[in-house]
Amino acid sequence: MSEIPIYLFCGFLEAGKSKCIQETLSDERFNQGENTLLLMCEDGEEQYDKKAFPNGGENVFIEEITEDKLNSKYLSSLEKKYKAERIIIEYNGMWTMEKLYMSLPKNWIIYQQLFFADSSTFEVYNSNMRSLVVDKLNSSELIVLNRADKGPDKDMIHKIIRGVSRRINIAYEYADGNLEYDNEEDPLPFDIDAPVIEIADRDYALWFRDFAEDVKKYEGKTVKFKGICGINKKMKSGTAICGRHVMTCCIDDIEFKGLVCVGMPAPLNLKNKDWAIITAKIVMEFHELYNKVGPVLHIIDAEKSQVPEQEIATFF
């Protein structure tokens, strides 16, 4: 079964998804006659003009998808019906990305995911529907903020986006079609080249995300942080899982983000849910708690600690 590339356009109503898709499919450099299936997951303001596509859009097939039809069996049937060579999805901003990912046929591969937003209303959406905004930011490679002529607060928008992802590219689109990229550097608030990388309480969420995005960057380095220790009787002596609870956008998404630690000194007598200041070297190796190769912290020093003022780590 051959792979089918997917170009995924996500965002809320009137965010500019349809306009961009129309322009993309009207470009002969992109649309060279491949059988293209366009799936519309919401009723937008824009209507597609197939006459503007090369060859009158004979190779473009448009289907509306309701939430109950978002399943691999139905999507596969559409692929076969139109002998689709690639898929463009205009995704509903009110649906989670997980719902889509779990519904895709196995041979459908996401080649590109773009997030579109109205720069004049982005902060409002973030305030009222932050979990859905975060949901899209986490997996998109580019966010295009249109209507930039209206003078959005770019510093605040930058802060909101970078609080979720340091990898996503940010671009502002103006009425004349020009794009302005946000190239502002975001230096990490800790020195990863220091003999000991010291992570302040306020920076744990940011550090753990940066660590998870590029583990190799930290391999062999020594890190120091304050964390809560998870210990149970099934673990070998001197082993614990240490980290912090991290909140990305709201109370409902709080997750424990921790790493396996080995070599805890016995005299410390750590108990489950004790807080400690950990200094350890990061080693990539197999550990049974991961059941695979993963980052294991080899303890250099550890001491019990008081509970921090802010127990839940955040990005703000």
Foldseek 3Di string as FASTA:
>chain_A
DAAAEEAEEEEAAPLCRQVVVLVQQLDCVNCVPFQEEEEEADDHPDDHQQCSGPPSVPSYHYDYDYLVQQAQVNVVVVCVVSVGRYYYYYHHLVDAVVSNVRRHDPRYDYPAYEYGGALVCVVVCCVPPVVSVLRRLQPHQEYEHEPCVVPHPVVVVVLLSVLRPPRHWYWYAYPVGDIDTDPDDDDQPWDLPDQETEAELQCQVVVLVVCVVCVVSQAFHKYKDKWWWADDPVDDPQKTWTFAFEDERDPVPTDTRTAIEGDHDVVQVDDHRFMKIFIFHWHFDDDVVVNGTDTYTYTPDMHTDDQDPDRYHGSD
